[in-house]
Amino acid sequence: MIDELNLIDKIDILIDKKIILYGAGYQGVVTLKKLREAGFPPAYFCDGNPRKWGDFIESIEVLSPSGLKRLDETENIAIIITTDQVHFIEQIMNDIAWLKLRTDKIFTMFGLTVSLVRNNKTFGISGGFYNTHLNMQRDLYYTSEIYYYLTARLKWAEKADVILVYASPKSGTITLEHSLMAVDIYANRFHTFYGADLFINPLSKETIAKHANECLGMLRSRRSVKVITTVREPVGRNLALIFQLLGHYEFKIGEAPPGKSFVNSIAEIMTTRGGDMFDSKHEPLNWFDNELKAVFNIDVYAHPFDREKGYSIIRQGNIEVLVMKLEKMNSLEQVIAEFVGAPRFKLVNANEADNKPYKYLYKQVRDAIKLPREVFDYYYKDSRMAHFYGEGEIAGFLGKWERNISDYTAIRGRFL
């Protein structure tokens, strides 16, 4: 029932609707302020907690679900679910389904945020929201990506043996980190050693290089350094990365000419090489040379890889690298356990799309997106893809994407 794309492409559908914020907690108030600043004042809250029924929050009345049902019978309403927790969204959706409302205009707070940013210029939404959101995202990326440089040396100084989770983004690194933490193993997780230039980064290149070189010197002096790295089917990984970084990329999507759909904006990013995300350095099959080889002088492609088992272990000096296919990771718990010396190790799934607030938008885009065949040829016919994946696996990937392949040819300067 959640139709994020409709709201993102046509935010003016809110104009003639009574907007209901379902969820009268803290995030409901945040959403209320966003909508007021954007010029779309909500009419009511709704909440499943009887103690809130009839209360007023910021001068807005809180309805009961039955009150929402009565309103729906006489008014054209749009509902925005104000939590970013998927299990609560699912619970609210069950409640809404039970009410059998007339409206089909049901959205999430995440979809609303993307819509407000995307329509900032074309619909004349207040620039205050746009600038506040941009600053928030800068703070977010600063905190998450630079954390490694500020903590790594202190942790490594305490240990003779070091474990790193070091791989391309959206390749299962958070799942690995959380799983290791569950058995009391500290592992530094990061994607790039010499600078988070994939992200918004306020530190100078000189400062980053200084931190990185000090860290590398310390690693070389450790008794043992174990590195866990992963590879993932590239097209799916690229789409997943766009959604992970949507807080950054939605600003570029928001600058798209009027009339360009959100799905087509995503397809353009997927199709364009040479941009921020898919330049030669950050493409997933190049990551091993640009990161692992550049830092530790370990050439993954020069070592055999067991495509059937889905992993290999490379040893060079005090460095030991476990290379795995993400698609096989669930079957490799024992291999990981032996590699890190933790017999109780179990995978704890984390950072999956189904647990993210963008779950509903991601599914809609995944179903609707069309990409030129050149995108798939570029990755699937690369010899480095064949290093990790057999012909049957590659054919299976292609089969899963078959209905997303368009007949048009990518324009010159992209994948041609």
Protein backbone atom coordinates (compact mmCIF):
# COMPACT_ATOMS: atom_id res chain seq x y z
CA MET A 1 0.00 0.00 0.00
CA ILE A 2 2.97 2.36 0.43
CA ASP A 3 3.50 4.34 -2.78
CA GLU A 4 6.68 6.35 -2.26
CA LEU A 5 7.33 7.03 -5.95
CA ASN A 6 3.99 8.77 -6.38
CA LEU A 7 4.81 11.24 -3.59
CA ILE A 8 8.38 11.81 -4.76
CA ASP A 9 7.41 12.56 -8.36
CA LYS A 10 4.17 14.42 -7.53
CA ILE A 11 4.42 16.15 -4.18
CA ASP A 12 1.51 18.38 -5.23
CA ILE A 13 -0.82 15.43 -4.55
CA LEU A 14 -0.71 16.67 -0.94
CA ILE A 15 -2.26 20.03 -1.81
CA ASP A 16 -5.92 19.01 -1.72
CA LYS A 17 -5.55 16.31 0.97
CA LYS A 18 -6.03 16.31 4.70
CA ILE A 19 -2.56 15.21 5.80
CA ILE A 20 -2.53 12.75 8.70
CA LEU A 21 0.67 12.00 10.58
CA TYR A 22 0.37 8.43 11.86
CA GLY A 23 2.52 8.32 14.99
CA ALA A 24 2.34 11.09 17.58
CA GLY A 25 5.80 10.66 19.07
CA TYR A 26 9.06 12.57 18.68
CA GLN A 27 9.45 11.73 14.99
CA GLY A 28 5.87 12.78 14.39
CA VAL A 29 6.73 16.25 15.72
CA VAL A 30 9.85 16.35 13.52
CA THR A 31 7.73 15.45 10.49
CA LEU A 32 5.15 18.09 11.44
CA LYS A 33 7.84 20.78 11.46
CA LYS A 34 9.20 19.61 8.09
CA LEU A 35 5.77 19.81 6.49
CA ARG A 36 4.94 23.19 7.99
CA GLU A 37 8.23 24.63 6.79
CA ALA A 38 7.58 23.18 3.34
CA GLY A 39 4.11 24.72 3.19
CA PHE A 40 2.06 21.53 3.69
CA PRO A 41 0.58 21.85 7.22
CA PRO A 42 -0.87 18.55 8.52
CA ALA A 43 -4.47 18.41 9.71
CA TYR A 44 -4.23 15.68 12.37
CA PHE A 45 -2.08 13.17 14.15
CA CYS A 46 -3.24 9.59 14.58
CA ASP A 47 -1.85 7.12 17.10
CA GLY A 48 -2.64 3.64 18.35
CA ASN A 49 -2.03 4.62 22.00
CA PRO A 50 -5.41 5.37 23.69
CA ARG A 51 -3.71 7.72 26.18
CA LYS A 52 -2.91 10.14 23.34
CA TRP A 53 -6.40 10.28 21.80
CA GLY A 54 -7.89 13.75 22.01
CA ASP A 55 -4.59 15.38 23.00
CA PHE A 56 -3.14 18.29 21.03
CA ILE A 57 0.49 18.39 19.89
CA GLU A 58 1.68 21.70 18.46
CA SER A 59 -2.03 22.62 18.17
CA ILE A 60 -2.75 19.45 16.15
CA GLU A 61 -5.34 17.00 17.49
CA VAL A 62 -4.47 13.32 17.92
CA LEU A 63 -7.14 11.04 16.42
CA SER A 64 -7.86 7.45 17.34
CA PRO A 65 -7.79 4.88 14.52
CA SER A 66 -11.59 4.86 14.54
CA GLY A 67 -11.53 8.65 14.27
CA LEU A 68 -9.22 8.29 11.27
CA LYS A 69 -11.74 5.86 9.74
CA ARG A 70 -14.56 8.38 10.13
CA LEU A 71 -12.45 11.19 8.64
CA ASP A 72 -11.55 9.01 5.66
CA GLU A 73 -15.24 8.48 4.92
CA THR A 74 -15.85 12.20 4.34
CA GLU A 75 -12.48 13.71 3.36
CA ASN A 76 -9.66 13.04 0.91
CA ILE A 77 -6.76 12.15 3.17
CA ALA A 78 -3.07 11.30 2.81
CA ILE A 79 -1.27 9.39 5.55
CA ILE A 80 2.41 9.77 6.38
CA ILE A 81 3.82 7.13 8.75
CA THR A 82 6.24 8.99 11.00
CA THR A 83 8.57 6.24 12.21
CA ASP A 84 11.76 5.07 10.54
CA GLN A 85 11.63 1.66 12.26
CA VAL A 86 10.48 -0.97 9.75
CA HIS A 87 8.82 -3.24 12.32
CA PHE A 88 6.68 -0.31 13.53
CA ILE A 89 5.84 0.66 9.95
CA GLU A 90 4.67 -2.90 9.31
CA GLN A 91 2.56 -2.84 12.47
CA ILE A 92 0.93 0.46 11.45
CA MET A 93 0.31 -0.87 7.96
CA ASN A 94 -1.52 -3.84 9.47
CA ASP A 95 -3.67 -1.44 11.52
CA ILE A 96 -4.45 0.64 8.44
CA ALA A 97 -5.33 -2.47 6.42
CA TRP A 98 -7.76 -3.52 9.18
CA LEU A 99 -9.49 -0.11 8.95
CA LYS A 100 -10.19 -0.64 5.21
CA LEU A 101 -9.73 3.04 4.39
CA ARG A 102 -10.70 4.58 1.07
CA THR A 103 -7.42 6.41 0.62
CA ASP A 104 -4.51 4.91 -1.27
CA LYS A 105 -2.21 7.83 -0.44
CA ILE A 106 0.01 6.24 2.18
CA PHE A 107 3.67 7.19 2.52
CA THR A 108 6.58 6.97 4.96
CA MET A 109 8.65 9.68 6.60
CA PHE A 110 11.59 8.57 4.46
CA GLY A 111 9.66 9.00 1.21
CA LEU A 112 8.45 12.40 2.38
CA THR A 113 12.01 13.55 3.12
CA VAL A 114 13.25 12.51 -0.32
CA SER A 115 10.24 14.21 -1.93
CA LEU A 116 10.81 17.48 -0.05
CA VAL A 117 14.46 17.61 -1.05
CA ARG A 118 13.81 16.54 -4.64
CA ASN A 119 11.10 19.16 -5.07
CA ASN A 120 12.99 21.91 -3.27
CA LYS A 121 13.57 23.95 -6.42
CA THR A 122 10.84 22.83 -8.78
CA PHE A 123 8.01 23.37 -6.29
CA GLY A 124 9.45 26.29 -4.38
CA ILE A 125 9.81 24.53 -1.03
CA SER A 126 11.47 26.57 1.69
CA GLY A 127 15.24 26.62 1.33
CA GLY A 128 15.58 26.41 5.11
CA PHE A 129 14.61 22.76 5.07
CA TYR A 130 16.97 22.03 2.20
CA ASN A 131 19.97 23.66 3.90
CA THR A 132 19.23 22.12 7.30
CA HIS A 133 19.00 18.66 5.76
CA LEU A 134 22.24 19.12 3.83
CA ASN A 135 24.13 20.15 6.98
CA MET A 136 22.69 17.15 8.82
CA GLN A 137 24.01 14.81 6.12
CA ARG A 138 27.45 16.40 6.25
CA ASP A 139 27.59 15.77 9.98
CA LEU A 140 26.41 12.19 9.47
CA TYR A 141 29.12 11.30 6.96
CA TYR A 142 31.79 13.05 8.98
CA THR A 143 30.86 11.01 12.04
CA SER A 144 30.58 7.61 10.36
CA GLU A 145 33.47 7.63 7.90
CA ILE A 146 36.19 9.55 9.74
CA TYR A 147 35.64 7.57 12.96
CA TYR A 148 38.18 5.01 11.75
CA TYR A 149 41.03 7.52 11.63
CA LEU A 150 40.33 8.82 15.11
CA THR A 151 40.13 5.45 16.89
CA ALA A 152 42.14 2.86 14.99
CA ARG A 153 45.59 3.62 16.36
CA LEU A 154 44.41 3.54 19.97
CA LYS A 155 42.80 0.13 19.48
CA TRP A 156 45.71 -1.35 17.55
CA ALA A 157 48.24 -0.12 20.10
CA GLU A 158 46.58 -2.41 22.65
CA LYS A 159 46.69 -5.59 20.59
CA ALA A 160 49.34 -7.87 19.11
CA ASP A 161 46.74 -9.31 16.68
CA VAL A 162 44.48 -7.06 14.64
CA ILE A 163 41.30 -7.92 12.71
CA LEU A 164 40.06 -5.65 9.94
CA VAL A 165 36.78 -5.76 8.03
CA TYR A 166 37.95 -3.95 4.91
CA ALA A 167 35.84 -4.10 1.76
CA SER A 168 33.90 -2.13 -0.80
CA PRO A 169 30.72 -0.42 0.52
CA LYS A 170 27.49 -2.46 0.59
CA SER A 171 29.33 -5.76 0.66
CA GLY A 172 28.24 -7.09 4.05
CA THR A 173 30.77 -5.25 6.20
CA ILE A 174 28.30 -4.12 8.87
CA THR A 175 26.93 -7.65 9.20
CA LEU A 176 30.49 -8.91 9.71
CA GLU A 177 31.33 -6.19 12.21
CA HIS A 178 28.19 -6.80 14.28
CA SER A 179 28.70 -10.56 14.16
CA LEU A 180 32.26 -10.24 15.44
CA MET A 181 31.15 -7.87 18.19
CA ALA A 182 28.58 -10.49 19.28
CA VAL A 183 31.47 -12.84 20.17
CA ASP A 184 33.52 -10.03 21.78
CA ILE A 185 35.90 -9.48 18.87
CA TYR A 186 36.77 -5.88 18.04
CA ALA A 187 37.27 -5.33 14.31
CA ASN A 188 37.89 -2.05 12.54
CA ARG A 189 35.40 -1.71 9.67
CA PHE A 190 36.15 0.68 6.83
CA HIS A 191 35.98 0.98 3.04
CA THR A 192 38.89 3.20 2.09
CA PHE A 193 42.31 3.51 3.73
CA TYR A 194 43.63 6.77 2.34
CA GLY A 195 40.59 8.98 2.62
CA ALA A 196 36.81 8.92 2.55
CA ASP A 197 36.69 10.88 -0.69
CA LEU A 198 33.60 8.92 -1.75
CA PHE A 199 31.76 10.88 0.92
CA ILE A 200 31.45 14.47 2.05
CA ASN A 201 34.70 14.94 3.94
CA PRO A 202 35.78 18.04 5.88
CA LEU A 203 39.34 16.79 6.60
CA SER A 204 42.19 17.77 4.32
CA LYS A 205 43.92 15.15 2.20
CA GLU A 206 47.14 15.84 4.08
CA THR A 207 45.51 15.17 7.46
CA ILE A 208 43.92 11.95 6.21
CA ALA A 209 47.19 10.75 4.66
CA LYS A 210 49.05 11.44 7.93
CA HIS A 211 46.56 9.40 9.97
CA ALA A 212 46.50 6.60 7.40
CA ASN A 213 50.29 6.29 7.18
CA GLU A 214 50.60 6.18 10.96
CA CYS A 215 47.97 3.44 11.03
CA LEU A 216 49.71 1.50 8.27
CA GLY A 217 53.04 1.68 10.11
CA MET A 218 51.40 0.30 13.23
CA LEU A 219 49.78 -2.53 11.26
CA ARG A 220 53.12 -3.58 9.83
CA SER A 221 54.50 -3.87 13.36
CA ARG A 222 51.68 -6.12 14.61
CA ARG A 223 52.31 -9.82 15.06
CA SER A 224 49.31 -10.74 12.95
CA VAL A 225 46.81 -8.78 10.86
CA LYS A 226 43.73 -10.62 9.67
CA VAL A 227 41.68 -8.93 6.95
CA ILE A 228 38.16 -10.02 5.99
CA THR A 229 37.09 -8.68 2.60
CA THR A 230 34.12 -9.43 0.38
CA VAL A 231 32.94 -9.13 -3.21
CA ARG A 232 29.35 -8.68 -4.36
CA GLU A 233 27.51 -8.82 -7.70
CA PRO A 234 28.26 -5.29 -8.98
CA VAL A 235 24.95 -4.05 -10.41
CA GLY A 236 22.97 -4.94 -7.28
CA ARG A 237 25.72 -3.52 -5.12
CA ASN A 238 25.64 -0.21 -7.02
CA LEU A 239 21.89 0.17 -6.58
CA ALA A 240 22.18 -0.68 -2.88
CA LEU A 241 24.95 1.91 -2.48
CA ILE A 242 22.81 4.64 -4.04
CA PHE A 243 20.12 4.01 -1.45
CA GLN A 244 22.62 3.82 1.39
CA LEU A 245 23.94 7.22 0.33
CA LEU A 246 20.60 8.67 -0.69
CA GLY A 247 21.04 11.43 1.85
CA HIS A 248 23.95 12.59 -0.30
CA TYR A 249 22.71 11.76 -3.78
CA GLU A 250 19.18 13.04 -3.37
CA PHE A 251 20.54 16.57 -3.67
CA LYS A 252 21.76 15.84 -7.18
CA ILE A 253 18.53 14.05 -7.96
CA GLY A 254 16.70 17.13 -6.66
CA GLU A 255 18.42 19.25 -9.28
CA ALA A 256 16.99 17.16 -12.12
CA PRO A 257 14.86 19.03 -14.71
CA PRO A 258 11.10 19.03 -14.07
CA GLY A 259 9.45 15.97 -15.55
CA LYS A 260 12.32 13.56 -14.93
CA SER A 261 11.03 10.73 -12.77
CA PHE A 262 12.85 9.60 -9.65
CA VAL A 263 13.37 6.14 -11.18
CA ASN A 264 14.99 7.69 -14.26
CA SER A 265 17.24 9.79 -12.04
CA ILE A 266 18.43 6.64 -10.29
CA ALA A 267 18.92 4.90 -13.66
CA GLU A 268 21.04 7.82 -14.84
CA ILE A 269 23.35 7.49 -11.84
CA MET A 270 23.55 3.72 -12.44
CA THR A 271 24.38 4.29 -16.10
CA THR A 272 26.86 7.14 -15.77
CA ARG A 273 30.50 6.27 -15.18
CA GLY A 274 32.94 8.95 -14.16
CA GLY A 275 30.70 10.54 -11.53
CA ASP A 276 31.24 10.70 -7.79
CA MET A 277 30.32 7.08 -7.15
CA PHE A 278 31.10 5.08 -10.26
CA ASP A 279 34.40 6.51 -11.38
CA SER A 280 37.20 4.01 -11.99
CA LYS A 281 38.43 4.14 -8.39
CA HIS A 282 35.16 3.30 -6.70
CA GLU A 283 33.79 0.65 -9.04
CA PRO A 284 33.50 -2.60 -7.07
CA LEU A 285 35.80 -4.73 -9.24
CA ASN A 286 38.51 -2.05 -9.07
CA TRP A 287 38.35 -1.83 -5.29
CA PHE A 288 40.82 -4.68 -4.69
CA ASP A 289 43.55 -2.97 -6.71
CA ASN A 290 42.84 0.56 -5.54
CA GLU A 291 42.61 -0.38 -1.87
CA LEU A 292 43.88 -3.81 -0.82
CA LYS A 293 46.74 -3.97 -3.32
CA ALA A 294 47.70 -0.31 -2.87
CA VAL A 295 47.80 -0.62 0.93
CA PHE A 296 49.11 -4.14 1.58
CA ASN A 297 50.59 -5.04 -1.83
CA ILE A 298 48.28 -8.06 -2.03
CA ASP A 299 46.92 -8.69 -5.53
CA VAL A 300 43.68 -10.65 -5.11
CA TYR A 301 43.45 -11.33 -8.84
CA ALA A 302 46.92 -12.94 -8.86
CA HIS A 303 45.79 -15.60 -6.35
CA PRO A 304 43.42 -18.49 -7.09
CA PHE A 305 39.83 -18.20 -5.87
CA ASP A 306 37.59 -21.20 -5.20
CA ARG A 307 34.40 -20.10 -6.95
CA GLU A 308 32.48 -23.17 -5.82
CA LYS A 309 33.29 -22.79 -2.12
CA GLY A 310 33.03 -19.03 -2.39
CA TYR A 311 36.20 -18.02 -0.58
CA SER A 312 39.99 -18.08 -0.52
CA ILE A 313 42.64 -17.25 2.06
CA ILE A 314 45.77 -15.33 1.06
CA ARG A 315 48.83 -15.17 3.32
CA GLN A 316 51.64 -12.67 2.83
CA GLY A 317 54.02 -11.74 5.64
CA ASN A 318 52.05 -10.84 8.76
CA ILE A 319 48.91 -10.22 6.66
CA GLU A 320 46.25 -12.89 6.19
CA VAL A 321 43.25 -12.09 3.98
CA LEU A 322 39.95 -13.99 3.86
CA VAL A 323 38.25 -13.15 0.53
CA MET A 324 34.57 -14.14 0.32
CA LYS A 325 31.62 -13.79 -2.01
CA LEU A 326 28.81 -12.01 -0.21
CA GLU A 327 26.31 -14.35 -1.85
CA LYS A 328 28.00 -17.32 -0.11
CA MET A 329 28.60 -15.69 3.26
CA ASN A 330 25.72 -17.39 5.09
CA SER A 331 27.29 -20.78 4.32
CA LEU A 332 30.75 -19.68 5.48
CA GLU A 333 30.16 -19.18 9.20
CA GLN A 334 32.56 -21.99 10.11
CA VAL A 335 35.25 -20.63 7.78
CA ILE A 336 34.96 -17.18 9.38
CA ALA A 337 34.93 -18.71 12.88
CA GLU A 338 38.19 -20.57 12.23
CA PHE A 339 39.78 -17.55 10.55
CA VAL A 340 39.19 -15.26 13.54
CA GLY A 341 39.57 -17.98 16.19
CA ALA A 342 36.03 -17.69 17.55
CA PRO A 343 34.25 -21.09 17.66
CA ARG A 344 30.97 -19.46 18.78
CA PHE A 345 30.85 -17.10 15.78
CA LYS A 346 27.43 -16.74 14.11
CA LEU A 347 26.34 -14.25 11.48
CA VAL A 348 24.04 -11.52 12.74
CA ASN A 349 22.31 -10.00 9.73
CA ALA A 350 22.48 -6.20 9.78
CA ASN A 351 22.21 -3.25 7.38
CA GLU A 352 19.96 -5.15 4.97
CA ALA A 353 17.47 -3.25 2.82
CA ASP A 354 14.53 -5.00 4.52
CA ASN A 355 15.57 -3.42 7.83
CA LYS A 356 16.06 0.08 6.42
CA PRO A 357 13.49 2.90 6.24
CA TYR A 358 14.08 3.04 2.47
CA LYS A 359 12.77 -0.54 2.14
CA TYR A 360 9.56 0.41 0.34
CA LEU A 361 11.12 2.95 -2.02
CA TYR A 362 13.97 0.56 -2.81
CA LYS A 363 11.54 -2.20 -3.77
CA GLN A 364 9.56 0.12 -6.03
CA VAL A 365 12.69 1.35 -7.79
CA ARG A 366 14.13 -2.18 -8.07
CA ASP A 367 10.93 -3.32 -9.78
CA ALA A 368 10.59 -0.33 -12.11
CA ILE A 369 14.14 0.64 -13.11
CA LYS A 370 15.35 0.05 -16.67
CA LEU A 371 19.06 -0.10 -17.51
CA PRO A 372 20.79 -0.50 -20.88
CA ARG A 373 22.39 -3.86 -21.57
CA GLU A 374 25.80 -2.15 -21.72
CA VAL A 375 25.70 -1.74 -17.94
CA PHE A 376 25.50 -5.49 -17.45
CA ASP A 377 28.00 -6.26 -20.21
CA TYR A 378 30.47 -3.85 -18.66
CA TYR A 379 30.54 -5.78 -15.39
CA TYR A 380 29.50 -9.32 -16.28
CA LYS A 381 31.95 -9.71 -19.19
CA ASP A 382 34.88 -8.38 -17.18
CA SER A 383 37.53 -11.06 -16.57
CA ARG A 384 37.71 -9.97 -12.93
CA MET A 385 34.04 -10.88 -12.52
CA ALA A 386 34.93 -14.36 -13.82
CA HIS A 387 37.67 -14.57 -11.17
CA PHE A 388 34.97 -14.79 -8.50
CA TYR A 389 31.86 -16.05 -10.32
CA GLY A 390 31.28 -18.98 -12.66
CA GLU A 391 29.30 -18.80 -15.89
CA GLY A 392 26.23 -20.29 -14.22
CA GLU A 393 26.29 -17.72 -11.42
CA ILE A 394 26.65 -14.84 -13.87
CA ALA A 395 23.79 -16.19 -15.97
CA GLY A 396 21.72 -16.38 -12.78
CA PHE A 397 22.44 -12.74 -11.96
CA LEU A 398 21.49 -11.72 -15.49
CA GLY A 399 18.26 -13.68 -15.23
CA LYS A 400 17.26 -11.82 -12.08
CA TRP A 401 17.80 -8.50 -13.87
CA GLU A 402 16.31 -9.55 -17.22
CA ARG A 403 13.06 -7.57 -16.91
CA ASN A 404 15.08 -4.48 -15.93
CA ILE A 405 17.14 -4.49 -19.13
CA SER A 406 15.99 -1.93 -21.70
CA ASP A 407 16.53 -2.05 -25.45
CA TYR A 408 17.90 1.47 -25.75
CA THR A 409 21.62 2.10 -26.02
CA ALA A 410 23.49 4.11 -23.42
CA ILE A 411 24.51 7.53 -24.68
CA ARG A 412 28.11 8.13 -25.71
CA GLY A 413 30.38 8.92 -22.80
CA ARG A 414 28.74 6.49 -20.43
CA PHE A 415 29.14 2.76 -20.97
CA LEU A 416 30.07 2.93 -24.67
